[in-house]
Amino acid sequence: MSRRILLLLVVVPIVSACALFRVYAPEYDPVVLESGVVVHDLVIPKHGERAATGDLVTFHYELTLEDGERIDSSWERGQPVEARLGDRSFPPGLEEGLIGMRLYGRRALLVPAEHGYGAGGLPPRIPADAALHFLVELMAIEPAPSP
């Protein structure tokens, strides 16, 4: 019996002390850009270059609608996508939300319809005037070519 008490007296303080050293991820407040795109950083790496207009970026994303319906996910396909920021190969609100991200950063974006697929939508999956929810993770940045 005394061994159990001794064990408790030693183990409990050690386990409790370990809780003091847990790393908790910081929480960031959402930012509303001038265009109305809402950017909520989830992971911001401390170092590294930031994506800028003209850069070729590789990223993973998940696209959902307001009701939570998943439309597309590069994670599900196991293949990230590439885009040159500013060439409008993706909805402008998504491109705008990628600008300023650091390598391996992760963001949630709320893109209003006018900066997504607009009044026409993208039938049959994305209805007209739909706000788009993106979860993005930046995987690579290739700086824009020098002029």
Protein backbone atom coordinates (compact mmCIF):
# COMPACT_ATOMS: atom_id res chain seq x y z
CA MET A 1 0.00 0.00 0.00
CA SER A 2 2.77 2.44 0.82
CA ARG A 3 4.28 1.85 -2.65
CA ARG A 4 1.00 2.99 -4.24
CA ILE A 5 0.92 6.14 -2.15
CA LEU A 6 4.56 6.86 -2.94
CA LEU A 7 3.89 6.27 -6.62
CA LEU A 8 0.94 8.67 -6.52
CA LEU A 9 3.00 11.27 -4.70
CA VAL A 10 5.67 11.10 -7.40
CA VAL A 11 3.61 10.56 -10.58
CA VAL A 12 0.77 13.04 -10.01
CA PRO A 13 3.03 16.11 -9.64
CA ILE A 14 5.06 15.10 -12.70
CA VAL A 15 1.97 14.63 -14.86
CA SER A 16 0.52 17.91 -13.60
CA ALA A 17 3.76 19.76 -14.36
CA CYS A 18 3.74 18.42 -17.92
CA ALA A 19 0.46 20.27 -18.52
CA LEU A 20 2.34 23.52 -17.93
CA PHE A 21 4.52 22.82 -20.95
CA ARG A 22 1.78 22.07 -23.46
CA VAL A 23 1.95 24.17 -26.57
CA TYR A 24 -1.34 25.77 -27.48
CA ALA A 25 -1.75 27.19 -30.95
CA PRO A 26 -2.38 30.93 -31.00
CA GLU A 27 -5.75 32.15 -32.17
CA TYR A 28 -6.00 34.96 -34.69
CA ASP A 29 -8.88 37.34 -35.29
CA PRO A 30 -10.51 37.34 -38.72
CA VAL A 31 -9.67 40.32 -40.95
CA VAL A 32 -12.08 41.78 -43.50
CA LEU A 33 -10.26 42.98 -46.60
CA GLU A 34 -11.42 46.03 -48.54
CA SER A 35 -13.09 43.74 -51.10
CA GLY A 36 -15.19 42.07 -48.40
CA VAL A 37 -13.17 38.84 -48.37
CA VAL A 38 -12.82 37.59 -44.79
CA VAL A 39 -9.39 36.12 -43.95
CA HIS A 40 -9.00 34.03 -40.81
CA ASP A 41 -5.45 32.80 -40.29
CA LEU A 42 -5.28 29.42 -38.57
CA VAL A 43 -1.53 28.81 -38.85
CA ILE A 44 1.05 31.56 -39.44
CA PRO A 45 4.62 30.31 -39.74
CA LYS A 46 7.12 32.62 -38.03
CA HIS A 47 9.54 32.71 -40.96
CA GLY A 48 9.52 32.50 -44.72
CA GLU A 49 8.62 34.54 -47.73
CA ARG A 50 5.08 35.70 -48.32
CA ALA A 51 3.09 35.02 -51.48
CA ALA A 52 2.70 38.09 -53.69
CA THR A 53 0.94 38.98 -56.93
CA GLY A 54 2.76 37.32 -59.83
CA ASP A 55 4.13 34.42 -57.75
CA LEU A 56 3.37 30.86 -58.78
CA VAL A 57 1.86 29.18 -55.72
CA THR A 58 1.01 25.57 -54.98
CA PHE A 59 -1.72 25.03 -52.41
CA HIS A 60 -4.29 22.63 -51.07
CA TYR A 61 -7.86 23.77 -50.65
CA GLU A 62 -11.31 22.69 -49.64
CA LEU A 63 -14.34 24.56 -50.99
CA THR A 64 -17.68 24.49 -49.19
CA LEU A 65 -20.89 26.48 -49.51
CA GLU A 66 -22.69 28.35 -46.71
CA ASP A 67 -24.74 25.26 -45.85
CA GLY A 68 -21.55 23.23 -45.37
CA GLU A 69 -21.86 21.23 -48.60
CA ARG A 70 -18.37 20.28 -49.76
CA ILE A 71 -17.92 21.16 -53.42
CA ASP A 72 -14.28 20.28 -53.99
CA SER A 73 -11.13 19.29 -52.09
CA SER A 74 -7.60 18.97 -53.39
CA TRP A 75 -6.77 17.09 -50.19
CA GLU A 76 -9.32 14.41 -51.15
CA ARG A 77 -7.75 14.12 -54.60
CA GLY A 78 -4.28 14.00 -53.03
CA GLN A 79 -3.02 16.63 -55.44
CA PRO A 80 -2.45 20.32 -54.65
CA VAL A 81 -3.17 22.93 -57.33
CA GLU A 82 -1.01 25.66 -58.87
CA ALA A 83 -1.89 29.22 -59.74
CA ARG A 84 -0.03 32.35 -60.70
CA LEU A 85 -1.48 34.97 -58.38
CA GLY A 86 -3.18 37.67 -60.38
CA ASP A 87 -3.88 35.71 -63.57
CA ARG A 88 -7.48 35.01 -62.46
CA SER A 89 -7.31 31.26 -62.97
CA PHE A 90 -9.26 30.95 -59.70
CA PRO A 91 -11.97 33.18 -58.23
CA PRO A 92 -10.46 36.61 -57.48
CA GLY A 93 -11.41 36.38 -53.80
CA LEU A 94 -9.44 33.15 -53.42
CA GLU A 95 -6.38 34.67 -55.09
CA GLU A 96 -6.68 37.76 -52.91
CA GLY A 97 -6.89 35.55 -49.83
CA LEU A 98 -3.66 33.75 -50.76
CA ILE A 99 -1.64 36.98 -51.07
CA GLY A 100 0.48 37.54 -47.98
CA MET A 101 0.43 33.92 -46.82
CA ARG A 102 3.68 32.29 -45.74
CA LEU A 103 4.79 28.85 -46.84
CA TYR A 104 2.81 26.16 -44.94
CA GLY A 105 0.41 28.77 -43.59
CA ARG A 106 -3.24 27.82 -43.31
CA ARG A 107 -6.25 30.12 -43.69
CA ALA A 108 -10.00 30.01 -43.78
CA LEU A 109 -11.49 32.40 -46.34
CA LEU A 110 -15.04 33.62 -46.77
CA VAL A 111 -15.37 34.92 -50.32
CA PRO A 112 -18.49 36.96 -51.12
CA ALA A 113 -20.31 36.00 -54.31
CA GLU A 114 -19.09 39.03 -56.25
CA HIS A 115 -15.49 37.89 -55.69
CA GLY A 116 -16.32 34.23 -56.28
CA TYR A 117 -18.43 32.99 -59.19
CA GLY A 118 -20.93 35.87 -59.04
CA ALA A 119 -24.49 35.98 -60.30
CA GLY A 120 -23.91 33.15 -62.75
CA GLY A 121 -22.52 30.70 -60.22
CA LEU A 122 -20.84 27.61 -61.63
CA PRO A 123 -23.70 25.21 -62.42
CA PRO A 124 -24.54 22.60 -61.42
CA ARG A 125 -22.53 22.59 -58.17
CA ILE A 126 -22.25 26.27 -57.24
CA PRO A 127 -25.49 28.24 -57.29
CA ALA A 128 -25.82 31.86 -58.38
CA ASP A 129 -24.75 34.48 -55.82
CA ALA A 130 -23.14 31.87 -53.54
CA ALA A 131 -20.61 32.89 -50.90
CA LEU A 132 -17.65 30.50 -50.92
CA HIS A 133 -15.82 29.08 -47.91
CA PHE A 134 -12.24 28.02 -48.58
CA LEU A 135 -9.77 26.31 -46.30
CA VAL A 136 -6.31 26.75 -47.86
CA GLU A 137 -2.77 25.64 -47.06
CA LEU A 138 0.16 27.09 -48.99
CA MET A 139 2.59 24.34 -50.06
CA ALA A 140 5.09 26.16 -52.34
CA ILE A 141 5.94 29.66 -53.59
CA GLU A 142 7.90 30.32 -56.76
CA PRO A 143 8.65 34.05 -56.95
CA ALA A 144 7.40 36.01 -59.95
CA PRO A 145 9.88 36.24 -62.83
CA SER A 146 11.93 39.42 -62.88
CA PRO A 147 10.87 41.90 -65.58
